[in-house]
C-alpha cells in the first residue's frame, strides 16, 4: 500500500505567538493528518536557527530551537500562572523571528524561575551535548550574539581547556538547559501523540553543520578550519538549475580522515539522537557521502572547486552495524554521478523524485522512491505553473490530462499525479494542497535571508476545507 505524507515546518504552523509551536495547533494538525488518512508528517530541521534563520545553518545538530516551546503547555505544567494574549506579527502570513523571540523569551525566563527539575530532567542532562550547548549559548549571548570565532581567545578555548571562569554565567547556563529540556519534553509528547494517531514523523538531517555552532566549536579537529576557526574550504554545489554561479553555502567541510579515526563518532551520535526524535530520517544532500564540492574559502562563488570522494561505504557500514533498524531516506536530487545511486542502492535506501523537475523530462517514477510536487527548495506548485511560458503550460496540462477534470487547477492535477504514481511514498507540501502561490515558497536556493523560511499559515480554515477531498484522493490512489 502506498504511503502519503505532508510537509509542514513547525515554524509555519498557525500560532498566537507569531511562530509555530508544540502546542494545541500542532496537536490539531496531527488530528487532521489522521482524519485525512495521512501517515507521515515531514518536518524541516528543528535545531536552533542560525544565520539567515536557516534550519540548514543550525547552532547545534542536537539542540532544539526554544522558539517552538509552547507557553500554554507551561501554564498546564504549573510553570506559568497564565499565558500572554499573544504576539501579532506585522504580516499574518510571515514569521517575524525577531519579534516572536523577543515576545516569548521573558515568559520562558519567568517559567524557568519556577522550574524545580526532577528525575526526568536529571535523565535528560545525561545527554553529553546539553551542558556544552548551554555554555555555548551563554557565551554567545555575553558576546552580543557574535560568532564564536569573534570571541576573546580564552572564551573560544573554554571547550578545549576549561580555563576561562564561567561561574558568572551559571544562571544563564541553567536557563538554557531548562529551555532544552522543555523543548525535548514537549516535542517527545507531541511525537508520542502523533504515533498513537498513526502518524510517523520524518525529520530532516542537514548534511553539513553551521560554522557558528556547538558542533564546530567543540570539535574543530573534525573540520577543515585553521586555528582561529576560519574555514580553509567551504561547502556548496557547482552551477546548476538554481544558480549559474552555483551555491556557496559557506559551511565548513568535514575532515574525513579525522572522522574515520574516531569511528565516525560525530555522525553516529548525531543519527542516534535523531532516531530518538524522529521515526524516519531524511538526510539532506546525500550525494556528499559519495563526492562533495570543495570550494576554496577565498572564492566568492561556487564556480571554483573540486569534487572530492568521501568514505560513504565505511560510514554507512558503521551506521548500520550500530543501528541496524535506522530508517533513512536519501535526498539524492541534482546532477549525480552513477556512484551516488550505487551507494544509495547498496544500502537499500529510498531516493527522491520531484515532479516539477521530472514531469516533462521523461524520467520515470520508480517504485522505491519518495515523490514530491516540490521540496522546500522549489516553487509552490501553483507558482511553478504560473511561471511557465504558454507553450510549457500546454505541455504540462497535456501530461496531466488524465488527472482530474478539464476544470481542475494545474496545481491540484500535479498533486493527484504524484499520489497516483507508482512511487512507494508521496509527500505534498501543505501549501500545495491549498494551492498557494510563490509567496508561500519556503526557500530559494542561492539566496540568504528574507523572505526565505518566513511563510506561515495564519489559520487552519483553508486546509480543513481540503481534508475530505484529500482523503478521497488518498483512498482512490491506494487502489491504483
Protein backbone atom coordinates (compact mmCIF):
# COMPACT_ATOMS: atom_id res chain seq x y z
CA UNK A 1 0.00 0.00 0.00
CA UNK A 2 1.30 3.45 -0.92
CA UNK A 3 2.08 5.81 1.93
CA UNK A 4 1.44 9.52 1.91
CA UNK A 5 2.71 12.47 3.86
CA UNK A 6 2.52 16.23 4.21
CA UNK A 7 5.48 18.58 4.52
CA UNK A 8 4.81 21.31 7.04
CA UNK A 9 7.50 23.07 9.12
CA UNK A 10 6.70 23.50 12.81
CA UNK A 11 7.60 27.18 12.47
CA UNK A 12 4.87 27.60 9.84
CA UNK A 13 2.03 26.23 11.97
CA UNK A 14 -0.69 28.70 13.00
CA UNK A 15 0.05 30.21 16.38
CA UNK A 16 -0.97 33.12 18.59
CA UNK A 17 2.73 33.90 19.12
CA UNK A 18 3.79 34.57 15.52
CA UNK A 19 5.72 31.32 15.11
CA UNK A 20 4.52 27.72 15.32
CA UNK A 21 4.97 25.72 18.50
CA UNK A 22 4.42 22.27 20.00
CA UNK A 23 1.06 23.37 21.41
CA UNK A 24 -2.58 22.85 20.54
CA UNK A 25 -2.25 23.84 16.88
CA UNK A 26 0.38 21.13 16.38
CA UNK A 27 -1.94 18.58 18.02
CA UNK A 28 -4.78 19.82 15.80
CA UNK A 29 -2.57 19.28 12.77
CA UNK A 30 -1.87 15.70 13.83
CA UNK A 31 -5.62 15.15 14.25
CA UNK A 32 -6.23 16.49 10.75
CA UNK A 33 -3.50 14.31 9.27
CA UNK A 34 -5.04 11.26 10.93
CA UNK A 35 -8.53 12.22 9.74
CA UNK A 36 -7.25 12.64 6.19
CA UNK A 37 -5.53 9.25 6.24
CA UNK A 38 -2.04 10.77 6.02
CA UNK A 39 0.65 8.62 7.63
CA UNK A 40 3.72 10.90 7.67
CA UNK A 41 4.41 14.42 8.87
CA UNK A 42 7.64 15.67 7.31
CA UNK A 43 9.46 18.48 9.08
CA UNK A 44 12.36 20.78 8.41
CA UNK A 45 15.24 20.60 10.93
CA UNK A 46 14.16 21.59 14.46
CA UNK A 47 17.66 22.67 15.52
CA UNK A 48 18.33 26.25 16.72
CA UNK A 49 18.14 28.53 13.72
CA UNK A 50 21.38 30.25 12.83
CA UNK A 51 22.47 32.60 10.07
CA UNK A 52 19.56 33.88 7.97
CA UNK A 53 17.09 31.91 10.12
CA UNK A 54 18.01 28.92 8.01
CA UNK A 55 17.34 25.48 9.51
CA UNK A 56 20.35 24.31 7.49
CA UNK A 57 22.77 26.63 9.36
CA UNK A 58 21.92 25.49 12.92
CA UNK A 59 23.71 26.41 16.14
CA UNK A 60 23.75 22.72 17.05
CA UNK A 61 22.96 19.39 15.42
CA UNK A 62 21.48 18.15 18.71
CA UNK A 63 19.75 21.06 20.45
CA UNK A 64 16.28 22.36 19.53
CA UNK A 65 15.08 25.88 18.84
CA UNK A 66 13.42 27.17 22.00
CA UNK A 67 11.06 29.30 19.90
CA UNK A 68 8.94 26.15 19.46
CA UNK A 69 8.28 25.76 23.20
CA UNK A 70 4.58 26.34 23.81
CA UNK A 71 3.68 28.81 26.56
CA UNK A 72 0.21 27.36 27.20
CA UNK A 73 1.78 24.00 27.93
CA UNK A 74 3.98 25.72 30.50
CA UNK A 75 0.79 27.01 32.14
CA UNK A 76 -0.60 23.48 32.20
CA UNK A 77 2.59 22.28 33.87
CA UNK A 78 2.36 24.97 36.55
CA UNK A 79 5.39 26.96 35.37
CA UNK A 80 3.28 30.00 34.43
CA UNK A 81 0.11 31.34 36.05
CA UNK A 82 -1.37 32.30 32.69
CA UNK A 83 -0.37 32.59 29.08
CA UNK A 84 0.03 36.02 27.48
CA UNK A 85 -2.51 37.28 24.96
CA UNK A 86 -0.21 36.72 22.05
CA UNK A 87 2.07 38.41 19.55
CA UNK A 88 0.61 39.77 16.32
CA UNK A 89 3.25 39.79 13.56
CA UNK A 90 3.33 42.69 11.07
CA UNK A 91 2.13 40.36 8.30
CA UNK A 92 -0.20 37.46 9.15
CA UNK A 93 1.41 35.01 6.74
CA UNK A 94 5.04 35.81 7.61
CA UNK A 95 7.18 34.72 10.57
CA UNK A 96 8.76 37.68 12.32
CA UNK A 97 11.52 35.73 14.05
CA UNK A 98 12.98 38.69 15.91
CA UNK A 99 9.64 39.89 17.20
CA UNK A 100 8.34 36.43 18.11
CA UNK A 101 11.50 35.53 20.03
CA UNK A 102 11.58 38.84 21.89
CA UNK A 103 7.94 38.31 22.90
CA UNK A 104 8.32 34.73 24.11
CA UNK A 105 11.67 34.88 25.89
CA UNK A 106 10.56 36.82 29.01
CA UNK A 107 7.81 34.25 29.55
CA UNK A 108 10.25 31.37 29.18
CA UNK A 109 12.55 33.00 31.73
CA UNK A 110 9.61 33.51 34.08
CA UNK A 111 8.81 29.78 33.77
CA UNK A 112 12.46 28.97 34.49
CA UNK A 113 12.25 30.77 37.83
CA UNK A 114 9.61 28.25 38.93
CA UNK A 115 11.29 25.18 37.49
CA UNK A 116 12.40 22.63 40.10
CA UNK A 117 13.74 19.84 37.91
CA UNK A 118 13.15 16.22 38.77
CA UNK A 119 14.04 12.70 37.67
CA UNK A 120 13.12 13.35 34.02
CA UNK A 121 15.31 16.45 33.97
CA UNK A 122 18.25 14.63 35.53
CA UNK A 123 17.96 11.87 32.91
CA UNK A 124 17.88 14.49 30.15
CA UNK A 125 21.08 16.09 31.44
CA UNK A 126 22.88 12.81 30.80
CA UNK A 127 22.94 13.68 27.09
CA UNK A 128 26.51 14.92 26.85
CA UNK A 129 25.70 17.80 24.48
CA UNK A 130 23.29 19.60 26.84
CA UNK A 131 25.70 21.38 29.19
CA UNK A 132 28.24 22.37 26.49
CA UNK A 133 25.41 23.78 24.35
CA UNK A 134 24.12 25.85 27.28
CA UNK A 135 27.63 27.21 27.84
CA UNK A 136 27.98 27.94 24.11
CA UNK A 137 24.75 29.97 24.02
CA UNK A 138 25.57 31.75 27.28
CA UNK A 139 28.98 32.80 25.93
CA UNK A 140 27.42 33.77 22.62
CA UNK A 141 24.92 35.97 24.45
CA UNK A 142 27.70 37.52 26.54
CA UNK A 143 29.47 38.39 23.27
CA UNK A 144 26.49 40.16 21.71
CA UNK A 145 25.49 37.05 19.70
CA UNK A 146 28.68 37.25 17.67
CA UNK A 147 30.03 34.02 16.16
CA UNK A 148 32.39 32.07 18.42
CA UNK A 149 35.26 32.84 16.07
CA UNK A 150 34.95 36.51 17.17
CA UNK A 151 35.04 35.83 20.92
CA UNK A 152 38.10 36.52 23.07
CA UNK A 153 40.61 33.69 22.73
CA UNK A 154 40.15 32.38 26.27
CA UNK A 155 36.41 32.05 25.68
CA UNK A 156 36.90 30.39 22.32
CA UNK A 157 39.07 27.82 24.05
CA UNK A 158 36.89 27.12 27.10
CA UNK A 159 35.50 23.99 25.44
CA UNK A 160 39.08 22.72 25.00
CA UNK A 161 40.77 23.62 28.28
CA UNK A 162 38.01 24.82 30.70
CA UNK A 163 40.33 27.62 31.89
CA UNK A 164 38.01 30.59 31.42
CA UNK A 165 35.92 31.20 34.54
CA UNK A 166 32.23 30.87 33.60
CA UNK A 167 30.87 30.97 37.16
CA UNK A 168 29.21 34.35 36.48
CA UNK A 169 27.18 32.65 33.73
CA UNK A 170 25.86 29.86 35.92
CA UNK A 171 22.23 31.02 35.97
CA UNK A 172 22.22 31.71 32.24
CA UNK A 173 23.64 28.24 31.59
CA UNK A 174 20.95 26.70 33.79
CA UNK A 175 18.28 28.63 31.89
CA UNK A 176 19.38 27.23 28.56
CA UNK A 177 19.49 23.70 29.93
CA UNK A 178 15.93 24.23 31.19
CA UNK A 179 14.85 25.51 27.76
CA UNK A 180 16.35 22.47 26.04
CA UNK A 181 14.57 20.16 28.47
CA UNK A 182 11.22 21.84 27.84
CA UNK A 183 11.81 21.63 24.09
CA UNK A 184 12.59 17.92 24.40
CA UNK A 185 9.71 17.15 26.77
CA UNK A 186 7.11 18.98 24.69
CA UNK A 187 8.38 17.54 21.41
CA UNK A 188 8.50 13.96 22.64
CA UNK A 189 4.93 14.25 23.97
CA UNK A 190 3.77 15.54 20.57
CA UNK A 191 5.63 12.77 18.75
CA UNK A 192 4.07 10.15 21.03
CA UNK A 193 0.62 11.58 20.28
CA UNK A 194 1.29 11.53 16.54
CA UNK A 195 2.49 7.92 16.65
CA UNK A 196 -0.64 6.97 18.64
CA UNK A 197 -2.73 8.57 15.88
CA UNK A 198 -0.91 6.52 13.23
CA UNK A 199 1.31 9.40 12.04
CA UNK A 200 5.06 8.91 11.77
CA UNK A 201 7.47 11.83 11.96
CA UNK A 202 10.06 12.35 9.23
CA UNK A 203 12.89 14.53 10.47
CA UNK A 204 15.39 16.34 8.28
CA UNK A 205 19.13 15.96 8.89
CA UNK A 206 21.34 18.57 7.18
CA UNK A 207 24.50 17.06 5.74
CA UNK A 208 26.66 19.98 6.84
CA UNK A 209 26.68 21.95 10.08
CA UNK A 210 27.00 25.69 10.63
CA UNK A 211 30.42 27.20 11.35
CA UNK A 212 28.94 29.13 14.26
CA UNK A 213 27.77 26.01 16.06
CA UNK A 214 28.49 23.87 19.08
CA UNK A 215 29.47 21.12 16.63
CA UNK A 216 32.41 23.05 15.19
CA UNK A 217 33.32 24.96 18.38
CA UNK A 218 33.71 21.71 20.31
CA UNK A 219 35.23 19.51 17.57
CA UNK A 220 37.40 21.78 15.45
CA UNK A 221 39.78 18.99 14.51
CA UNK A 222 36.92 17.25 12.67
CA UNK A 223 36.53 20.13 10.19
CA UNK A 224 38.85 21.79 7.66
CA UNK A 225 39.41 25.02 9.59
CA UNK A 226 42.53 26.79 10.82
CA UNK A 227 43.45 27.51 14.43
CA UNK A 228 41.28 30.64 14.55
CA UNK A 229 38.22 28.74 13.35
CA UNK A 230 38.33 30.21 9.86
CA UNK A 231 37.47 27.64 7.17
CA UNK A 232 40.08 26.88 4.56
CA UNK A 233 37.39 25.35 2.35
CA UNK A 234 33.61 25.68 2.37
CA UNK A 235 30.68 23.63 1.14
CA UNK A 236 28.28 24.15 -1.72
CA UNK A 237 27.46 22.87 -5.19
CA UNK A 238 28.67 23.99 -8.64
CA UNK A 239 26.50 25.89 -11.12
CA UNK A 240 23.13 24.14 -11.52
CA UNK A 241 19.43 24.58 -12.24
CA UNK A 242 19.03 27.04 -9.38
CA UNK A 243 22.03 29.32 -9.84
CA UNK A 244 24.53 29.94 -12.63
CA UNK A 245 27.23 30.72 -10.05
CA UNK A 246 26.46 27.60 -8.10
CA UNK A 247 25.55 27.68 -4.42
CA UNK A 248 28.23 28.73 -1.96
CA UNK A 249 26.70 27.65 1.36
CA UNK A 250 29.73 28.56 3.43
CA UNK A 251 29.51 25.58 5.81
CA UNK A 252 32.85 24.14 6.91
CA UNK A 253 33.81 20.84 5.33
CA UNK A 254 34.42 17.67 7.33
CA UNK A 255 37.93 16.38 7.85
CA UNK A 256 37.01 12.83 6.88
CA UNK A 257 40.39 11.40 7.87
CA UNK A 258 39.90 12.55 11.44
CA UNK A 259 36.29 11.35 11.45
CA UNK A 260 37.45 7.95 10.24
CA UNK A 261 39.88 7.69 13.15
CA UNK A 262 37.07 8.36 15.62
CA UNK A 263 34.86 5.66 14.11
CA UNK A 264 32.70 8.46 12.63
CA UNK A 265 31.63 9.30 16.17
CA UNK A 266 30.01 12.63 15.28
CA UNK A 267 27.73 11.11 12.65
CA UNK A 268 26.89 8.07 14.77
CA UNK A 269 25.94 10.18 17.80
CA UNK A 270 24.02 12.62 15.64
CA UNK A 271 21.95 9.92 13.95
CA UNK A 272 21.44 8.00 17.19
CA UNK A 273 19.95 11.05 18.91
CA UNK A 274 17.91 11.99 15.83
CA UNK A 275 16.44 8.50 15.85
CA UNK A 276 15.02 9.29 19.29
CA UNK A 277 13.34 12.43 17.98
CA UNK A 278 12.05 11.08 14.66
CA UNK A 279 10.72 7.87 13.13
CA UNK A 280 12.26 8.44 9.68
CA UNK A 281 15.44 10.40 8.88
CA UNK A 282 15.66 12.33 5.64
CA UNK A 283 19.35 13.07 5.08
CA UNK A 284 19.82 16.19 3.02
CA UNK A 285 22.45 16.36 0.25
CA UNK A 286 23.06 12.61 0.28
CA UNK A 287 25.37 12.85 -2.73
CA UNK A 288 28.10 14.31 -0.50
CA UNK A 289 28.57 10.89 1.12
CA UNK A 290 29.95 9.88 -2.29
CA UNK A 291 31.58 13.09 -3.54
CA UNK A 292 31.37 16.64 -2.19
CA UNK A 293 32.14 20.00 -3.80
CA UNK A 294 35.16 21.55 -2.06
CA UNK A 295 35.31 25.33 -2.60
CA UNK A 296 38.37 27.39 -1.58
CA UNK A 297 37.15 29.77 1.12
CA UNK A 298 38.70 32.68 -0.77
CA UNK A 299 36.33 32.17 -3.71
CA UNK A 300 33.23 34.43 -3.60
CA UNK A 301 31.11 31.99 -5.64
CA UNK A 302 30.85 28.23 -6.05
CA UNK A 303 32.18 28.24 -9.59
CA UNK A 304 35.62 27.14 -8.46
CA UNK A 305 36.04 23.89 -6.60
CA UNK A 306 36.77 20.19 -6.85
CA UNK A 307 34.75 17.03 -6.39
CA UNK A 308 36.34 15.02 -3.58
CA UNK A 309 35.47 11.45 -2.70
CA UNK A 310 34.01 10.75 0.75
CA UNK A 311 34.15 7.45 2.69
CA UNK A 312 30.43 6.78 2.27
CA UNK A 313 30.59 2.99 2.42
CA UNK A 314 32.75 2.97 5.53
CA UNK A 315 30.41 5.39 7.27
CA UNK A 316 27.20 3.56 6.39
CA UNK A 317 28.69 0.21 7.29
CA UNK A 318 29.32 1.63 10.76
CA UNK A 319 25.88 3.27 10.94
CA UNK A 320 24.09 0.00 10.18
CA UNK A 321 26.41 -2.00 12.41
CA UNK A 322 25.43 0.13 15.38
CA UNK A 323 21.85 1.00 14.33
CA UNK A 324 20.55 -1.82 12.12
CA UNK A 325 16.92 -0.64 12.32
CA UNK A 326 17.53 3.01 11.48
CA UNK A 327 15.11 4.29 8.81
CA UNK A 328 16.89 6.60 6.35
CA UNK A 329 15.63 8.34 3.21
CA UNK A 330 18.27 9.76 0.87
CA UNK A 331 17.89 13.20 -0.73
CA UNK A 332 19.54 12.20 -4.00
CA UNK A 333 18.44 15.11 -6.18
CA UNK A 334 20.56 17.00 -8.67
CA UNK A 335 23.11 16.12 -11.31
CA UNK A 336 24.62 12.93 -9.90
CA UNK A 337 27.28 10.53 -10.99
CA UNK A 338 26.21 6.90 -11.08
CA UNK A 339 28.27 6.04 -7.99
CA UNK A 340 25.88 8.08 -5.83
CA UNK A 341 22.98 5.87 -6.86
CA UNK A 342 25.10 2.76 -6.36
CA UNK A 343 25.83 3.88 -2.79
CA UNK A 344 22.14 4.53 -2.19
CA UNK A 345 21.08 1.18 -3.63
CA UNK A 346 23.79 -0.76 -1.81
CA UNK A 347 22.03 0.08 1.46
CA UNK A 348 18.53 -0.20 0.05
CA UNK A 349 17.72 3.46 0.67
CA UNK A 350 14.68 5.18 -0.80
CA UNK A 351 15.59 8.05 -3.13
CA UNK A 352 13.58 11.05 -4.28
CA UNK A 353 11.71 12.42 -7.27
CA UNK A 354 10.40 15.98 -7.71
CA UNK A 355 7.50 16.21 -10.15
CA UNK A 356 8.25 19.84 -11.03
CA UNK A 357 11.59 18.61 -12.41
CA UNK A 358 10.63 15.24 -13.89
CA UNK A 359 7.06 15.55 -15.17
CA UNK A 360 8.15 16.67 -18.64
CA UNK A 361 11.65 15.19 -18.67
CA UNK A 362 10.63 11.63 -19.45
CA UNK A 363 12.37 10.44 -16.29
CA UNK A 364 10.27 7.54 -14.99
CA UNK A 365 8.87 7.44 -11.48
CA UNK A 366 10.40 4.48 -9.68
CA UNK A 367 8.59 2.32 -7.17
CA UNK A 368 11.18 2.72 -4.41
CA UNK A 369 11.04 6.50 -4.43
CA UNK A 370 9.66 9.35 -2.40
CA UNK A 371 7.91 11.68 -4.83
CA UNK A 372 7.08 15.34 -4.17
CA UNK A 373 5.26 18.01 -6.10
CA UNK A 374 8.23 20.12 -4.92
CA UNK A 375 10.50 20.25 -1.89
CA UNK A 376 11.25 23.17 0.43
CA UNK A 377 13.70 24.45 -2.21
CA UNK A 378 11.16 24.57 -5.05
CA UNK A 379 8.46 26.96 -6.10
CA UNK A 380 4.99 26.09 -4.91
CA UNK A 381 3.08 24.01 -7.46
CA UNK A 382 0.77 26.94 -8.26
CA UNK A 383 3.70 29.34 -8.53
CA UNK A 384 5.64 26.90 -10.72
CA UNK A 385 2.78 26.53 -13.19
CA UNK A 386 2.12 30.27 -13.24
CA UNK A 387 5.77 31.00 -14.07
CA UNK A 388 5.82 28.79 -17.18
CA UNK A 389 5.54 30.02 -20.76
CA UNK A 390 2.29 29.40 -22.65
CA UNK A 391 3.99 26.59 -24.56
CA UNK A 392 5.20 24.92 -21.37
CA UNK A 393 1.78 25.30 -19.76
CA UNK A 394 0.22 23.44 -22.69
CA UNK A 395 2.76 20.64 -22.30
CA UNK A 396 2.12 20.45 -18.57
CA UNK A 397 -1.65 20.32 -18.99
CA UNK A 398 -1.31 17.62 -21.65
CA UNK A 399 0.88 15.49 -19.37
CA UNK A 400 -1.58 15.98 -16.52
CA UNK A 401 -4.75 15.48 -18.58
CA UNK A 402 -5.54 12.05 -17.04
CA UNK A 403 -5.57 13.55 -13.55
CA UNK A 404 -8.76 15.39 -12.64
CA UNK A 405 -11.26 17.09 -14.92
CA UNK A 406 -10.52 19.78 -17.54
CA UNK A 407 -11.54 22.33 -14.90
CA UNK A 408 -9.19 21.02 -12.20
CA UNK A 409 -6.43 23.60 -11.47
CA UNK A 410 -2.95 22.56 -12.62
CA UNK A 411 -1.52 22.56 -9.07
CA UNK A 412 -4.20 20.11 -7.97
CA UNK A 413 -3.59 17.91 -11.01
CA UNK A 414 0.07 17.74 -10.00
CA UNK A 415 -0.94 16.60 -6.51
CA UNK A 416 -3.20 13.92 -7.99
CA UNK A 417 -0.39 12.85 -10.33
CA UNK A 418 2.12 12.18 -7.55
CA UNK A 419 -0.49 10.46 -5.39
CA UNK A 420 -1.37 8.08 -8.23
CA UNK A 421 2.23 7.48 -9.28
CA UNK A 422 3.93 4.16 -8.66
CA UNK A 423 6.24 5.63 -6.02
CA UNK A 424 6.02 3.96 -2.62
CA UNK A 425 5.72 7.30 -0.83
CA UNK A 426 4.22 10.62 -1.93
CA UNK A 427 4.63 13.80 0.12
CA UNK A 428 2.94 17.11 -0.60
CA UNK A 429 3.87 20.44 0.99
CA UNK A 430 0.78 21.75 2.72
CA UNK A 431 0.81 24.93 0.64
CA UNK A 432 0.37 22.80 -2.50
CA UNK A 433 -2.72 21.13 -1.07
CA UNK A 434 -4.37 24.52 -0.62
CA UNK A 435 -2.93 26.00 -3.82
CA UNK A 436 -0.84 28.91 -2.55
CA UNK A 437 1.38 30.90 -4.90
CA UNK A 438 5.09 31.63 -4.53
CA UNK A 439 4.54 33.94 -1.57
CA UNK A 440 4.40 30.66 0.37
CA UNK A 441 7.69 29.41 -1.07
CA UNK A 442 9.95 28.32 1.79
CA UNK A 443 13.38 28.83 0.26
CA UNK A 444 15.09 29.96 -2.92
CA UNK A 445 18.49 28.21 -3.12
CA UNK A 446 21.46 30.50 -3.54
CA UNK A 447 19.82 33.34 -1.61
CA UNK A 448 20.06 34.19 2.08
CA UNK A 449 17.65 35.91 4.43
CA UNK A 450 14.16 37.29 3.93
CA UNK A 451 11.77 36.06 2.55
CA UNK A 452 13.32 32.57 2.94
CA UNK A 453 11.89 30.43 5.75
CA UNK A 454 9.29 33.06 6.65
CA UNK A 455 6.00 31.64 5.37
CA UNK A 456 3.41 30.71 7.98
CA UNK A 457 -0.22 29.64 7.79
CA UNK A 458 -2.43 32.15 9.65
CA UNK A 459 -5.21 29.63 10.39
CA UNK A 460 -6.37 26.12 9.53
CA UNK A 461 -9.51 27.04 7.58
CA UNK A 462 -8.02 26.58 4.06
CA UNK A 463 -6.60 23.17 4.95
CA UNK A 464 -9.70 21.97 6.78
CA UNK A 465 -11.74 22.60 3.64
CA UNK A 466 -9.43 20.31 1.67
CA UNK A 467 -9.40 17.36 4.10
CA UNK A 468 -12.48 15.43 2.79
CA UNK A 469 -11.33 15.67 -0.83
CA UNK A 470 -7.74 14.85 0.05
CA UNK A 471 -8.84 11.78 1.98
CA UNK A 472 -10.90 10.57 -1.01
CA UNK A 473 -7.85 11.11 -3.24
CA UNK A 474 -5.68 9.01 -0.96
CA UNK A 475 -8.22 6.19 -0.81
CA UNK A 476 -8.54 6.26 -4.60
CA UNK A 477 -4.75 6.39 -5.10
CA UNK A 478 -4.21 3.30 -2.95
CA UNK A 479 -6.40 1.32 -5.30
CA UNK A 480 -4.12 2.09 -8.26
